[in-house]
Amino acid sequence: MGGSFSSWGALESALQAELESAMGQTESLCYLDAVKNTSDYRQVQPKVYVVTGQLENSARSTGVSGGGNRYTFDIYDDMAFNYDTGTWSTPKVFNVAEAGGLINPGGFWAKTEEDIQKNIDAVFGAHFG
């Protein structure tokens, strides 16, 4: 963003447009990373249980909302379904998987959180740095 502005309102409007653009780009990158990280989780085909694909298809985004000086989005793993395990709740499955307690290495959500911070730094640095 460059140029000169004839009024505070013009500067504020330009900053808000830049903020909206940066948030949209950041949200897109973060969502794609969440999808990739949950999909990469299944590196090994287990022999003791049937893979349902629910964890690796659980990444969600609310999309960017807001306006003016405030924009938000949430990236999360959807736990609104029930695994048909008979014994473990969905949050327990996610927590054990994240900790590496199943057949595959854990850390898919920790990796997503690292990616989110990298995306924020890169995108906002490019827009406002």
Protein backbone atom coordinates (compact mmCIF):
# COMPACT_ATOMS: atom_id res chain seq x y z
CA MET A 1 0.00 0.00 0.00
CA GLY A 2 1.51 3.26 -1.00
CA GLY A 3 0.60 6.71 -2.10
CA SER A 4 -0.56 9.83 -0.40
CA PHE A 5 -3.90 10.54 1.17
CA SER A 6 -5.81 13.80 1.25
CA SER A 7 -7.67 13.05 4.46
CA TRP A 8 -7.69 10.83 7.50
CA GLY A 9 -10.80 9.14 6.09
CA ALA A 10 -9.00 8.26 2.85
CA LEU A 11 -6.05 6.78 4.76
CA GLU A 12 -8.36 4.87 7.08
CA SER A 13 -10.33 3.49 4.12
CA ALA A 14 -7.13 2.36 2.37
CA LEU A 15 -5.86 0.68 5.57
CA GLN A 16 -9.16 -1.10 6.07
CA ALA A 17 -9.13 -2.41 2.49
CA GLU A 18 -5.56 -3.64 2.97
CA LEU A 19 -6.52 -5.29 6.26
CA GLU A 20 -9.47 -7.06 4.64
CA SER A 21 -7.23 -8.32 1.83
CA ALA A 22 -4.56 -9.52 4.27
CA MET A 23 -7.12 -11.34 6.39
CA GLY A 24 -8.61 -13.08 3.36
CA GLN A 25 -5.20 -14.27 2.19
CA THR A 26 -4.22 -15.38 5.69
CA GLU A 27 -7.47 -17.30 6.22
CA SER A 28 -7.06 -19.14 2.89
CA LEU A 29 -3.49 -20.17 3.64
CA CYS A 30 -4.32 -21.25 7.19
CA TYR A 31 -7.28 -23.35 6.08
CA LEU A 32 -5.21 -25.08 3.40
CA ASP A 33 -2.51 -25.85 5.96
CA ALA A 34 -5.09 -27.30 8.37
CA VAL A 35 -6.46 -29.52 5.59
CA LYS A 36 -2.96 -30.63 4.61
CA ASN A 37 -1.87 -31.34 8.17
CA THR A 38 -4.92 -33.44 9.02
CA SER A 39 -4.59 -35.26 5.68
CA ASP A 40 -0.87 -35.90 6.23
CA TYR A 41 -1.73 -37.45 9.59
CA ARG A 42 -2.51 -40.80 7.97
CA GLN A 43 0.98 -41.82 6.92
CA VAL A 44 0.49 -45.50 7.78
CA GLN A 45 -2.50 -47.76 7.17
CA PRO A 46 -3.34 -49.28 10.57
CA LYS A 47 -4.02 -52.98 10.99
CA VAL A 48 -5.97 -52.74 14.24
CA TYR A 49 -8.77 -50.37 13.18
CA VAL A 50 -10.53 -49.17 10.07
CA VAL A 51 -9.66 -45.65 8.99
CA THR A 52 -12.85 -43.61 8.67
CA GLY A 53 -11.21 -40.48 7.25
CA GLN A 54 -13.13 -38.33 9.69
CA LEU A 55 -10.06 -36.86 11.37
CA GLU A 56 -8.31 -36.14 8.09
CA ASN A 57 -11.43 -34.45 6.75
CA SER A 58 -12.12 -32.42 9.89
CA ALA A 59 -10.40 -29.09 9.10
CA ARG A 60 -12.83 -26.20 9.02
CA SER A 61 -12.82 -22.43 8.70
CA THR A 62 -15.51 -19.93 9.55
CA GLY A 63 -14.27 -17.68 6.77
CA VAL A 64 -13.40 -14.06 7.36
CA SER A 65 -16.07 -11.94 8.99
CA GLY A 66 -16.20 -8.39 10.23
CA GLY A 67 -15.46 -5.07 8.68
CA GLY A 68 -13.88 -1.72 9.26
CA ASN A 69 -11.12 -2.11 11.82
CA ARG A 70 -12.00 -5.63 12.99
CA TYR A 71 -11.89 -8.89 11.06
CA THR A 72 -11.81 -12.42 12.41
CA PHE A 73 -11.75 -16.02 11.31
CA ASP A 74 -11.47 -19.33 13.13
CA ILE A 75 -9.61 -22.39 11.90
CA TYR A 76 -10.48 -25.56 13.80
CA ASP A 77 -10.87 -29.32 13.64
CA ASP A 78 -14.54 -30.25 13.65
CA MET A 79 -15.40 -32.63 16.46
CA ALA A 80 -19.15 -32.50 15.85
CA PHE A 81 -19.37 -36.11 14.71
CA ASN A 82 -19.21 -39.34 16.68
CA TYR A 83 -16.59 -41.94 15.96
CA ASP A 84 -18.11 -45.40 15.82
CA THR A 85 -15.56 -46.87 18.22
CA GLY A 86 -17.98 -47.75 20.95
CA THR A 87 -15.62 -46.55 23.67
CA TRP A 88 -13.86 -43.27 22.81
CA SER A 89 -15.44 -39.89 22.34
CA THR A 90 -14.44 -37.78 19.35
CA PRO A 91 -12.41 -35.33 21.50
CA LYS A 92 -10.53 -38.29 23.03
CA VAL A 93 -9.71 -39.66 19.56
CA PHE A 94 -8.39 -36.24 18.47
CA ASN A 95 -6.38 -35.73 21.66
CA VAL A 96 -4.81 -39.19 21.57
CA ALA A 97 -4.05 -38.80 17.85
CA GLU A 98 -2.49 -35.36 18.42
CA ALA A 99 -0.30 -36.80 21.19
CA GLY A 100 0.93 -39.59 18.90
CA GLY A 101 -0.95 -42.26 20.83
CA LEU A 102 -2.36 -44.00 17.80
CA ILE A 103 -0.41 -45.70 15.03
CA ASN A 104 0.76 -42.47 13.38
CA PRO A 105 2.95 -39.69 14.71
CA GLY A 106 0.95 -36.90 16.32
CA GLY A 107 1.34 -33.17 16.16
CA PHE A 108 -0.98 -32.35 13.26
CA TRP A 109 -2.68 -29.55 15.20
CA ALA A 110 0.59 -28.24 16.68
CA LYS A 111 1.91 -28.05 13.11
CA THR A 112 -1.22 -26.17 12.06
CA GLU A 113 -0.73 -23.63 14.85
CA GLU A 114 2.87 -23.09 13.72
CA ASP A 115 1.69 -22.66 10.13
CA ILE A 116 -0.96 -20.14 11.20
CA GLN A 117 1.67 -17.95 12.86
CA LYS A 118 3.97 -18.20 9.83
CA ASN A 119 1.09 -17.23 7.54
CA ILE A 120 0.16 -14.24 9.70
CA ASP A 121 3.77 -13.04 9.77
CA ALA A 122 4.28 -13.50 6.03
CA VAL A 123 1.01 -12.04 4.78
CA PHE A 124 0.83 -9.11 7.16
CA GLY A 125 4.53 -8.44 6.64
CA ALA A 126 3.92 -8.24 2.90
CA HIS A 127 0.92 -5.96 3.30
CA PHE A 128 2.14 -3.71 6.08
CA GLY A 129 5.89 -4.33 6.41
